[in-house]
Amino acid sequence: HPSPVRFAARLVRNHSSFAPGLEPVLKALARRLPDTDTITPGRLAKTGGSSQLFELRFGAAGPDLFGYKLIARKGKSSQEVFVNTKLSRGEMEAHVLGAVEKVHG
C-alpha cells in the first residue's frame, strides 16, 4: 500500500526579506502542502500602487514552471512566490485561501 503523504513543504529562504505579512502566510501554506513540495519566494519589489490589505493571488506561470507563481502584495511591496507542486489549481487555490485567512483573517 502507498505510504501516507507527509505534510510540510520546504520553505526556501534564499532572501532575507519578505513582503509585509507574507512570511507567516507561507509558513501556514507550507504546513498544508505535501513535504515533496517547495515554496520559493522571489525578490521583493516596490510597486507604484498601494494595496492596503494583504493579498496573495495567482500569476501567469511559465511553461517550464512545474507548479504555480503567486504574487503577494501589501502596501507598496510586491513579491513573487514560486510553488513547486503537483496539486491541481483548485486544491492550490483552497490552500492559499486557507493560509491567508488563517493569518490575516
PDB file of N, CA and C in Angstrom:
ATOM      1  N   HIS A   1       0.842  -1.189   0.000  1.00  0.00           N
ATOM      2  CA  HIS A   1       0.000   0.000   0.000  1.00  0.00           C
ATOM      3  C   HIS A   1       0.882   1.246   0.000  1.00  0.00           C
ATOM      4  N   PRO A   2       0.408   2.337  -0.610  1.00  0.00           N
ATOM      5  CA  PRO A   2       1.241   3.548  -0.708  1.00  0.00           C
ATOM      6  C   PRO A   2       1.479   4.163   0.670  1.00  0.00           C
ATOM      7  N   SER A   3       2.638   4.773   0.831  1.00  0.00           N
ATOM      8  CA  SER A   3       2.938   5.404   2.116  1.00  0.00           C
ATOM      9  C   SER A   3       2.076   6.658   2.265  1.00  0.00           C
ATOM     10  N   PRO A   4       1.696   7.004   3.491  1.00  0.00           N
ATOM     11  CA  PRO A   4       0.854   8.191   3.683  1.00  0.00           C
ATOM     12  C   PRO A   4       1.615   9.456   3.288  1.00  0.00           C
ATOM     13  N   VAL A   5       0.886  10.437   2.813  1.00  0.00           N
ATOM     14  CA  VAL A   5       1.514  11.704   2.420  1.00  0.00           C
ATOM     15  C   VAL A   5       1.913  12.453   3.684  1.00  0.00           C
ATOM     16  N   ARG A   6       3.163  12.875   3.737  1.00  0.00           N
ATOM     17  CA  ARG A   6       3.610  13.680   4.872  1.00  0.00           C
ATOM     18  C   ARG A   6       3.464  15.144   4.482  1.00  0.00           C
ATOM     19  N   PHE A   7       3.073  15.960   5.433  1.00  0.00           N
ATOM     20  CA  PHE A   7       2.855  17.363   5.136  1.00  0.00           C
ATOM     21  C   PHE A   7       3.959  18.242   5.694  1.00  0.00           C
ATOM     22  N   ALA A   8       4.080  19.395   5.138  1.00  0.00           N
ATOM     23  CA  ALA A   8       5.046  20.446   5.438  1.00  0.00           C
ATOM     24  C   ALA A   8       6.032  20.534   4.283  1.00  0.00           C
ATOM     25  N   ALA A   9       5.677  21.385   3.330  1.00  0.00           N
ATOM     26  CA  ALA A   9       6.549  21.674   2.192  1.00  0.00           C
ATOM     27  C   ALA A   9       7.772  22.419   2.710  1.00  0.00           C
ATOM     28  N   ARG A  10       8.830  22.424   1.911  1.00  0.00           N
ATOM     29  CA  ARG A  10      10.052  23.138   2.296  1.00  0.00           C
ATOM     30  C   ARG A  10       9.938  24.595   1.861  1.00  0.00           C
ATOM     31  N   LEU A  11      10.129  25.492   2.816  1.00  0.00           N
ATOM     32  CA  LEU A  11      10.118  26.922   2.522  1.00  0.00           C
ATOM     33  C   LEU A  11      11.563  27.353   2.311  1.00  0.00           C
ATOM     34  N   VAL A  12      11.914  27.673   1.070  1.00  0.00           N
ATOM     35  CA  VAL A  12      13.286  28.039   0.725  1.00  0.00           C
ATOM     36  C   VAL A  12      13.551  29.475   1.173  1.00  0.00           C
ATOM     37  N   ARG A  13      14.634  29.651   1.931  1.00  0.00           N
ATOM     38  CA  ARG A  13      14.960  31.003   2.424  1.00  0.00           C
ATOM     39  C   ARG A  13      16.210  31.519   1.718  1.00  0.00           C
ATOM     40  N   ASN A  14      16.020  31.948   0.480  1.00  0.00           N
ATOM     41  CA  ASN A  14      17.165  32.456  -0.270  1.00  0.00           C
ATOM     42  C   ASN A  14      17.217  33.983  -0.236  1.00  0.00           C
ATOM     43  N   HIS A  15      16.206  34.595   0.380  1.00  0.00           N
ATOM     44  CA  HIS A  15      16.173  36.060   0.525  1.00  0.00           C
ATOM     45  C   HIS A  15      15.909  36.356   1.987  1.00  0.00           C
ATOM     46  N   SER A  16      16.487  37.408   2.489  1.00  0.00           N
ATOM     47  CA  SER A  16      16.273  37.738   3.897  1.00  0.00           C
ATOM     48  C   SER A  16      14.969  38.501   4.087  1.00  0.00           C
ATOM     49  N   SER A  17      14.465  39.110   3.012  1.00  0.00           N
ATOM     50  CA  SER A  17      13.284  39.947   3.187  1.00  0.00           C
ATOM     51  C   SER A  17      12.031  39.357   2.546  1.00  0.00           C
ATOM     52  N   PHE A  18      10.923  39.586   3.237  1.00  0.00           N
ATOM     53  CA  PHE A  18       9.620  39.152   2.742  1.00  0.00           C
ATOM     54  C   PHE A  18       8.721  40.373   2.636  1.00  0.00           C
ATOM     55  N   ALA A  19       7.761  40.343   1.710  1.00  0.00           N
ATOM     56  CA  ALA A  19       6.749  41.396   1.646  1.00  0.00           C
ATOM     57  C   ALA A  19       6.028  41.400   2.998  1.00  0.00           C
ATOM     58  N   PRO A  20       5.514  42.559   3.444  1.00  0.00           N
ATOM     59  CA  PRO A  20       4.836  42.626   4.740  1.00  0.00           C
ATOM     60  C   PRO A  20       3.711  41.584   4.830  1.00  0.00           C
ATOM     61  N   GLY A  21       3.709  40.812   5.907  1.00  0.00           N
ATOM     62  CA  GLY A  21       2.649  39.824   6.127  1.00  0.00           C
ATOM     63  C   GLY A  21       2.809  38.520   5.378  1.00  0.00           C
ATOM     64  N   LEU A  22       3.853  38.391   4.564  1.00  0.00           N
ATOM     65  CA  LEU A  22       3.986  37.199   3.719  1.00  0.00           C
ATOM     66  C   LEU A  22       4.559  35.981   4.449  1.00  0.00           C
ATOM     67  N   GLU A  23       5.573  36.190   5.275  1.00  0.00           N
ATOM     68  CA  GLU A  23       6.248  35.036   5.895  1.00  0.00           C
ATOM     69  C   GLU A  23       5.307  34.125   6.682  1.00  0.00           C
ATOM     70  N   PRO A  24       4.440  34.662   7.573  1.00  0.00           N
ATOM     71  CA  PRO A  24       3.535  33.755   8.295  1.00  0.00           C
ATOM     72  C   PRO A  24       2.552  33.027   7.378  1.00  0.00           C
ATOM     73  N   VAL A  25       2.169  33.665   6.277  1.00  0.00           N
ATOM     74  CA  VAL A  25       1.266  33.024   5.317  1.00  0.00           C
ATOM     75  C   VAL A  25       1.982  31.857   4.632  1.00  0.00           C
ATOM     76  N   LEU A  26       3.238  32.064   4.245  1.00  0.00           N
ATOM     77  CA  LEU A  26       3.987  30.980   3.599  1.00  0.00           C
ATOM     78  C   LEU A  26       4.226  29.820   4.555  1.00  0.00           C
ATOM     79  N   LYS A  27       4.452  30.133   5.832  1.00  0.00           N
ATOM     80  CA  LYS A  27       4.629  29.062   6.822  1.00  0.00           C
ATOM     81  C   LYS A  27       3.329  28.267   6.959  1.00  0.00           C
ATOM     82  N   ALA A  28       2.189  28.967   6.981  1.00  0.00           N
ATOM     83  CA  ALA A  28       0.886  28.295   7.086  1.00  0.00           C
ATOM     84  C   ALA A  28       0.621  27.472   5.829  1.00  0.00           C
ATOM     85  N   LEU A  29       0.986  28.019   4.669  1.00  0.00           N
ATOM     86  CA  LEU A  29       0.794  27.305   3.402  1.00  0.00           C
ATOM     87  C   LEU A  29       1.672  26.054   3.366  1.00  0.00           C
ATOM     88  N   ALA A  30       2.917  26.178   3.810  1.00  0.00           N
ATOM     89  CA  ALA A  30       3.846  25.045   3.811  1.00  0.00           C
ATOM     90  C   ALA A  30       3.290  23.882   4.626  1.00  0.00           C
ATOM     91  N   ARG A  31       2.626  24.193   5.738  1.00  0.00           N
ATOM     92  CA  ARG A  31       2.067  23.133   6.584  1.00  0.00           C
ATOM     93  C   ARG A  31       0.927  22.392   5.899  1.00  0.00           C
ATOM     94  N   ARG A  32       0.328  23.005   4.874  1.00  0.00           N
ATOM     95  CA  ARG A  32      -0.803  22.396   4.182  1.00  0.00           C
ATOM     96  C   ARG A  32      -0.386  21.567   2.963  1.00  0.00           C
ATOM     97  N   LEU A  33       0.859  21.718   2.529  1.00  0.00           N
ATOM     98  CA  LEU A  33       1.309  21.065   1.298  1.00  0.00           C
ATOM     99  C   LEU A  33       2.152  19.826   1.595  1.00  0.00           C
ATOM    100  N   PRO A  34       2.164  18.864   0.663  1.00  0.00           N
ATOM    101  CA  PRO A  34       2.989  17.656   0.847  1.00  0.00           C
ATOM    102  C   PRO A  34       4.465  18.015   1.024  1.00  0.00           C
ATOM    103  N   ASP A  35       5.192  17.186   1.771  1.00  0.00           N
ATOM    104  CA  ASP A  35       6.591  17.505   2.062  1.00  0.00           C
ATOM    105  C   ASP A  35       7.511  17.373   0.855  1.00  0.00           C
ATOM    106  N   THR A  36       6.975  16.932  -0.277  1.00  0.00           N
ATOM    107  CA  THR A  36       7.772  16.877  -1.505  1.00  0.00           C
ATOM    108  C   THR A  36       7.746  18.224  -2.232  1.00  0.00           C
ATOM    109  N   ASP A  37       6.874  19.133  -1.803  1.00  0.00           N
ATOM    110  CA  ASP A  37       6.731  20.433  -2.460  1.00  0.00           C
ATOM    111  C   ASP A  37       7.730  21.449  -1.915  1.00  0.00           C
ATOM    112  N   THR A  38       8.001  22.470  -2.725  1.00  0.00           N
ATOM    113  CA  THR A  38       8.850  23.566  -2.252  1.00  0.00           C
ATOM    114  C   THR A  38       8.176  24.898  -2.535  1.00  0.00           C
ATOM    115  N   ILE A  39       8.411  25.855  -1.648  1.00  0.00           N
ATOM    116  CA  ILE A  39       7.897  27.217  -1.781  1.00  0.00           C
ATOM    117  C   ILE A  39       9.117  28.122  -1.812  1.00  0.00           C
ATOM    118  N   THR A  40       9.281  28.864  -2.903  1.00  0.00           N
ATOM    119  CA  THR A  40      10.464  29.709  -3.057  1.00  0.00           C
ATOM    120  C   THR A  40      10.055  31.164  -3.289  1.00  0.00           C
ATOM    121  N   PRO A  41      10.278  32.039  -2.304  1.00  0.00           N
ATOM    122  CA  PRO A  41       9.975  33.457  -2.512  1.00  0.00           C
ATOM    123  C   PRO A  41      10.959  34.071  -3.503  1.00  0.00           C
ATOM    124  N   GLY A  42      10.464  34.929  -4.367  1.00  0.00           N
ATOM    125  CA  GLY A  42      11.323  35.650  -5.303  1.00  0.00           C
ATOM    126  C   GLY A  42      11.786  36.955  -4.666  1.00  0.00           C
ATOM    127  N   ARG A  43      12.322  37.845  -5.500  1.00  0.00           N
ATOM    128  CA  ARG A  43      12.825  39.084  -4.918  1.00  0.00           C
ATOM    129  C   ARG A  43      11.683  40.035  -4.578  1.00  0.00           C
ATOM    130  N   LEU A  44      11.937  40.875  -3.613  1.00  0.00           N
ATOM    131  CA  LEU A  44      10.976  41.865  -3.152  1.00  0.00           C
ATOM    132  C   LEU A  44      11.059  43.070  -4.086  1.00  0.00           C
ATOM    133  N   ALA A  45       9.917  43.568  -4.530  1.00  0.00           N
ATOM    134  CA  ALA A  45       9.907  44.717  -5.435  1.00  0.00           C
ATOM    135  C   ALA A  45       8.997  45.807  -4.885  1.00  0.00           C
ATOM    136  N   LYS A  46       9.239  47.027  -5.334  1.00  0.00           N
ATOM    137  CA  LYS A  46       8.370  48.151  -4.957  1.00  0.00           C
ATOM    138  C   LYS A  46       7.400  48.383  -6.101  1.00  0.00           C
ATOM    139  N   THR A  47       6.132  48.649  -5.753  1.00  0.00           N
ATOM    140  CA  THR A  47       5.131  48.891  -6.789  1.00  0.00           C
ATOM    141  C   THR A  47       4.661  50.336  -6.714  1.00  0.00           C
ATOM    142  N   GLY A  48       4.090  50.796  -7.804  1.00  0.00           N
ATOM    143  CA  GLY A  48       3.592  52.165  -7.838  1.00  0.00           C
ATOM    144  C   GLY A  48       2.351  52.321  -6.994  1.00  0.00           C
ATOM    145  N   GLY A  49       1.407  51.396  -7.158  1.00  0.00           N
ATOM    146  CA  GLY A  49       0.159  51.483  -6.403  1.00  0.00           C
ATOM    147  C   GLY A  49       0.353  51.028  -4.977  1.00  0.00           C
ATOM    148  N   SER A  50      -0.673  51.251  -4.181  1.00  0.00           N
ATOM    149  CA  SER A  50      -0.605  50.811  -2.797  1.00  0.00           C
ATOM    150  C   SER A  50      -1.815  49.950  -2.498  1.00  0.00           C
ATOM    151  N   SER A  51      -1.584  48.759  -1.978  1.00  0.00           N
ATOM    152  CA  SER A  51      -2.668  47.853  -1.650  1.00  0.00           C
ATOM    153  C   SER A  51      -2.742  47.768  -0.127  1.00  0.00           C
ATOM    154  N   GLN A  52      -3.828  48.254   0.447  1.00  0.00           N
ATOM    155  CA  GLN A  52      -3.958  48.338   1.909  1.00  0.00           C
ATOM    156  C   GLN A  52      -3.978  46.963   2.559  1.00  0.00           C
ATOM    157  N   LEU A  53      -4.749  46.054   1.980  1.00  0.00           N
ATOM    158  CA  LEU A  53      -4.874  44.715   2.541  1.00  0.00           C
ATOM    159  C   LEU A  53      -3.845  43.787   1.929  1.00  0.00           C
ATOM    160  N   PHE A  54      -3.424  42.800   2.723  1.00  0.00           N
ATOM    161  CA  PHE A  54      -2.517  41.787   2.210  1.00  0.00           C
ATOM    162  C   PHE A  54      -3.261  40.960   1.169  1.00  0.00           C
ATOM    163  N   GLU A  55      -2.636  40.700   0.022  1.00  0.00           N
ATOM    164  CA  GLU A  55      -3.260  39.804  -0.951  1.00  0.00           C
ATOM    165  C   GLU A  55      -2.210  38.884  -1.553  1.00  0.00           C
ATOM    166  N   LEU A  56      -2.652  37.665  -1.837  1.00  0.00           N
ATOM    167  CA  LEU A  56      -1.783  36.673  -2.452  1.00  0.00           C
ATOM    168  C   LEU A  56      -2.598  36.072  -3.579  1.00  0.00           C
ATOM    169  N   ARG A  57      -2.218  36.409  -4.835  1.00  0.00           N
ATOM    170  CA  ARG A  57      -3.002  35.934  -5.967  1.00  0.00           C
ATOM    171  C   ARG A  57      -2.124  35.130  -6.921  1.00  0.00           C
ATOM    172  N   PHE A  58      -2.786  34.436  -7.830  1.00  0.00           N
ATOM    173  CA  PHE A  58      -2.062  33.620  -8.808  1.00  0.00           C
ATOM    174  C   PHE A  58      -1.583  34.494  -9.948  1.00  0.00           C
ATOM    175  N   GLY A  59      -0.331  34.282 -10.361  1.00  0.00           N
ATOM    176  CA  GLY A  59       0.224  34.987 -11.510  1.00  0.00           C
ATOM    177  C   GLY A  59       0.291  34.016 -12.679  1.00  0.00           C
ATOM    178  N   ALA A  60       0.693  34.510 -13.826  1.00  0.00           N
ATOM    179  CA  ALA A  60       0.841  33.651 -15.005  1.00  0.00           C
ATOM    180  C   ALA A  60       2.096  32.803 -14.844  1.00  0.00           C
ATOM    181  N   ALA A  61       1.937  31.508 -14.968  1.00  0.00           N
ATOM    182  CA  ALA A  61       3.086  30.610 -14.826  1.00  0.00           C
ATOM    183  C   ALA A  61       3.698  30.344 -16.191  1.00  0.00           C
ATOM    184  N   GLY A  62       5.016  30.301 -16.234  1.00  0.00           N
ATOM    185  CA  GLY A  62       5.700  29.988 -17.483  1.00  0.00           C
ATOM    186  C   GLY A  62       5.547  28.508 -17.799  1.00  0.00           C
ATOM    187  N   PRO A  63       5.749  28.112 -19.043  1.00  0.00           N
ATOM    188  CA  PRO A  63       5.568  26.710 -19.444  1.00  0.00           C
ATOM    189  C   PRO A  63       6.557  25.760 -18.777  1.00  0.00           C
ATOM    190  N   ASP A  64       7.701  26.286 -18.327  1.00  0.00           N
ATOM    191  CA  ASP A  64       8.703  25.413 -17.709  1.00  0.00           C
ATOM    192  C   ASP A  64       8.521  25.319 -16.192  1.00  0.00           C
ATOM    193  N   LEU A  65       7.516  26.024 -15.664  1.00  0.00           N
ATOM    194  CA  LEU A  65       7.309  26.034 -14.222  1.00  0.00           C
ATOM    195  C   LEU A  65       6.400  24.883 -13.826  1.00  0.00           C
ATOM    196  N   PHE A  66       6.890  24.013 -12.964  1.00  0.00           N
ATOM    197  CA  PHE A  66       6.100  22.871 -12.514  1.00  0.00           C
ATOM    198  C   PHE A  66       5.400  23.280 -11.236  1.00  0.00           C
ATOM    199  N   GLY A  67       4.270  23.921 -11.371  1.00  0.00           N
ATOM    200  CA  GLY A  67       3.558  24.416 -10.201  1.00  0.00           C
ATOM    201  C   GLY A  67       2.944  25.764 -10.500  1.00  0.00           C
ATOM    202  N   TYR A  68       3.041  26.668  -9.528  1.00  0.00           N
ATOM    203  CA  TYR A  68       2.335  27.944  -9.638  1.00  0.00           C
ATOM    204  C   TYR A  68       3.214  29.111  -9.229  1.00  0.00           C
ATOM    205  N   LYS A  69       2.884  30.272  -9.815  1.00  0.00           N
ATOM    206  CA  LYS A  69       3.519  31.506  -9.389  1.00  0.00           C
ATOM    207  C   LYS A  69       2.448  32.308  -8.662  1.00  0.00           C
ATOM    208  N   LEU A  70       2.757  32.730  -7.447  1.00  0.00           N
ATOM    209  CA  LEU A  70       1.841  33.564  -6.673  1.00  0.00           C
ATOM    210  C   LEU A  70       2.461  34.948  -6.560  1.00  0.00           C
ATOM    211  N   ILE A  71       1.624  35.958  -6.395  1.00  0.00           N
ATOM    212  CA  ILE A  71       2.124  37.317  -6.223  1.00  0.00           C
ATOM    213  C   ILE A  71       1.519  37.884  -4.942  1.00  0.00           C
ATOM    214  N   ALA A  72       2.401  38.239  -4.011  1.00  0.00           N
ATOM    215  CA  ALA A  72       1.973  38.829  -2.739  1.00  0.00           C
ATOM    216  C   ALA A  72       2.068  40.335  -2.851  1.00  0.00           C
ATOM    217  N   ARG A  73       1.048  41.032  -2.315  1.00  0.00           N
ATOM    218  CA  ARG A  73       1.078  42.488  -2.317  1.00  0.00           C
ATOM    219  C   ARG A  73       0.581  43.028  -0.997  1.00  0.00           C
ATOM    220  N   LYS A  74       1.262  44.038  -0.517  1.00  0.00           N
ATOM    221  CA  LYS A  74       0.825  44.756   0.680  1.00  0.00           C
ATOM    222  C   LYS A  74       1.538  46.082   0.667  1.00  0.00           C
ATOM    223  N   GLY A  75       0.779  47.151   0.861  1.00  0.00           N
ATOM    224  CA  GLY A  75       1.388  48.479   0.819  1.00  0.00           C
ATOM    225  C   GLY A  75       1.993  48.711  -0.549  1.00  0.00           C
ATOM    226  N   LYS A  76       3.247  49.135  -0.587  1.00  0.00           N
ATOM    227  CA  LYS A  76       3.927  49.371  -1.868  1.00  0.00           C
ATOM    228  C   LYS A  76       4.878  48.236  -2.216  1.00  0.00           C
ATOM    229  N   SER A  77       4.745  47.100  -1.522  1.00  0.00           N
ATOM    230  CA  SER A  77       5.617  45.955  -1.765  1.00  0.00           C
ATOM    231  C   SER A  77       4.921  44.874  -2.571  1.00  0.00           C
ATOM    232  N   SER A  78       5.685  44.217  -3.415  1.00  0.00           N
ATOM    233  CA  SER A  78       5.187  43.108  -4.216  1.00  0.00           C
ATOM    234  C   SER A  78       6.274  42.042  -4.253  1.00  0.00           C
ATOM    235  N   GLN A  79       5.862  40.779  -4.179  1.00  0.00           N
ATOM    236  CA  GLN A  79       6.852  39.701  -4.204  1.00  0.00           C
ATOM    237  C   GLN A  79       6.257  38.473  -4.885  1.00  0.00           C
ATOM    238  N   GLU A  80       7.033  37.891  -5.778  1.00  0.00           N
ATOM    239  CA  GLU A  80       6.606  36.647  -6.428  1.00  0.00           C
ATOM    240  C   GLU A  80       6.981  35.485  -5.522  1.00  0.00           C
ATOM    241  N   VAL A  81       6.149  34.451  -5.564  1.00  0.00           N
ATOM    242  CA  VAL A  81       6.418  33.235  -4.801  1.00  0.00           C
ATOM    243  C   VAL A  81       6.186  32.063  -5.748  1.00  0.00           C
ATOM    244  N   PHE A  82       7.162  31.184  -5.863  1.00  0.00           N
ATOM    245  CA  PHE A  82       7.041  30.028  -6.751  1.00  0.00           C
ATOM    246  C   PHE A  82       6.772  28.786  -5.914  1.00  0.00           C
ATOM    247  N   VAL A  83       5.705  28.064  -6.260  1.00  0.00           N
ATOM    248  CA  VAL A  83       5.346  26.857  -5.526  1.00  0.00           C
ATOM    249  C   VAL A  83       5.489  25.670  -6.467  1.00  0.00           C
ATOM    250  N   ASN A  84       6.404  24.782  -6.126  1.00  0.00           N
ATOM    251  CA  ASN A  84       6.632  23.585  -6.924  1.00  0.00           C
ATOM    252  C   ASN A  84       5.779  22.477  -6.323  1.00  0.00           C
ATOM    253  N   THR A  85       4.716  22.087  -7.044  1.00  0.00           N
ATOM    254  CA  THR A  85       3.752  21.117  -6.516  1.00  0.00           C
ATOM    255  C   THR A  85       3.038  20.412  -7.652  1.00  0.00           C
ATOM    256  N   LYS A  86       2.457  19.254  -7.344  1.00  0.00           N
ATOM    257  CA  LYS A  86       1.647  18.540  -8.328  1.00  0.00           C
ATOM    258  C   LYS A  86       0.161  18.761  -8.070  1.00  0.00           C
ATOM    259  N   LEU A  87      -0.183  19.565  -7.083  1.00  0.00           N
ATOM    260  CA  LEU A  87      -1.590  19.800  -6.756  1.00  0.00           C
ATOM    261  C   LEU A  87      -2.316  20.505  -7.899  1.00  0.00           C
ATOM    262  N   SER A  88      -3.602  20.252  -8.007  1.00  0.00           N
ATOM    263  CA  SER A  88      -4.414  20.919  -9.037  1.00  0.00           C
ATOM    264  C   SER A  88      -4.596  22.385  -8.661  1.00  0.00           C
ATOM    265  N   ARG A  89      -4.995  23.180  -9.633  1.00  0.00           N
ATOM    266  CA  ARG A  89      -5.216  24.606  -9.388  1.00  0.00           C
ATOM    267  C   ARG A  89      -6.279  24.803  -8.309  1.00  0.00           C
ATOM    268  N   GLY A  90      -7.342  23.990  -8.370  1.00  0.00           N
ATOM    269  CA  GLY A  90      -8.419  24.100  -7.380  1.00  0.00           C
ATOM    270  C   GLY A  90      -7.931  23.817  -5.963  1.00  0.00           C
ATOM    271  N   GLU A  91      -7.140  22.748  -5.815  1.00  0.00           N
ATOM    272  CA  GLU A  91      -6.595  22.407  -4.493  1.00  0.00           C
ATOM    273  C   GLU A  91      -5.675  23.519  -4.001  1.00  0.00           C
ATOM    274  N   MET A  92      -4.840  24.001  -4.909  1.00  0.00           N
ATOM    275  CA  MET A  92      -3.879  25.041  -4.555  1.00  0.00           C
ATOM    276  C   MET A  92      -4.600  26.323  -4.127  1.00  0.00           C
ATOM    277  N   GLU A  93      -5.653  26.700  -4.869  1.00  0.00           N
ATOM    278  CA  GLU A  93      -6.415  27.904  -4.523  1.00  0.00           C
ATOM    279  C   GLU A  93      -7.012  27.778  -3.121  1.00  0.00           C
ATOM    280  N   ALA A  94      -7.527  26.594  -2.788  1.00  0.00           N
ATOM    281  CA  ALA A  94      -8.122  26.372  -1.473  1.00  0.00           C
ATOM    282  C   ALA A  94      -7.067  26.498  -0.370  1.00  0.00           C
ATOM    283  N   HIS A  95      -5.859  25.952  -0.609  1.00  0.00           N
ATOM    284  CA  HIS A  95      -4.787  26.037   0.388  1.00  0.00           C
ATOM    285  C   HIS A  95      -4.305  27.473   0.572  1.00  0.00           C
ATOM    286  N   VAL A  96      -4.183  28.207  -0.538  1.00  0.00           N
ATOM    287  CA  VAL A  96      -3.728  29.603  -0.466  1.00  0.00           C
ATOM    288  C   VAL A  96      -4.750  30.429   0.316  1.00  0.00           C
ATOM    289  N   LEU A  97      -6.018  30.257  -0.017  1.00  0.00           N
ATOM    290  CA  LEU A  97      -7.083  30.992   0.667  1.00  0.00           C
ATOM    291  C   LEU A  97      -7.081  30.664   2.160  1.00  0.00           C
ATOM    292  N   GLY A  98      -6.957  29.368   2.481  1.00  0.00           N
ATOM    293  CA  GLY A  98      -6.937  28.946   3.878  1.00  0.00           C
ATOM    294  C   GLY A  98      -5.767  29.538   4.641  1.00  0.00           C
ATOM    295  N   ALA A  99      -4.596  29.564   4.021  1.00  0.00           N
ATOM    296  CA  ALA A  99      -3.401  30.102   4.684  1.00  0.00           C
ATOM    297  C   ALA A  99      -3.528  31.604   4.919  1.00  0.00           C
ATOM    298  N   VAL A 100      -4.042  32.339   3.922  1.00  0.00           N
ATOM    299  CA  VAL A 100      -4.210  33.787   4.063  1.00  0.00           C
ATOM    300  C   VAL A 100      -5.243  34.088   5.147  1.00  0.00           C
ATOM    301  N   GLU A 101      -6.362  33.348   5.148  1.00  0.00           N
ATOM    302  CA  GLU A 101      -7.416  33.588   6.146  1.00  0.00           C
ATOM    303  C   GLU A 101      -6.923  33.279   7.560  1.00  0.00           C
ATOM    304  N   LYS A 102      -6.109  32.220   7.676  1.00  0.00           N
ATOM    305  CA  LYS A 102      -5.590  31.830   8.989  1.00  0.00           C
ATOM    306  C   LYS A 102      -4.737  32.958   9.592  1.00  0.00           C
ATOM    307  N   VAL A 103      -3.936  33.598   8.749  1.00  0.00           N
ATOM    308  CA  VAL A 103      -3.022  34.630   9.233  1.00  0.00           C
ATOM    309  C   VAL A 103      -3.664  36.019   9.273  1.00  0.00           C
ATOM    310  N   HIS A 104      -4.383  36.370   8.221  1.00  0.00           N
ATOM    311  CA  HIS A 104      -4.906  37.733   8.103  1.00  0.00           C
ATOM    312  C   HIS A 104      -6.406  37.829   8.353  1.00  0.00           C
ATOM    313  N   GLY A 105      -7.055  36.666   8.532  1.00  0.00           N
ATOM    314  CA  GLY A 105      -8.469  36.578   8.884  1.00  0.00           C
ATOM    315  C   GLY A 105      -9.385  37.396   8.062  1.00  0.00           C
TER     316      GLY A 105
END
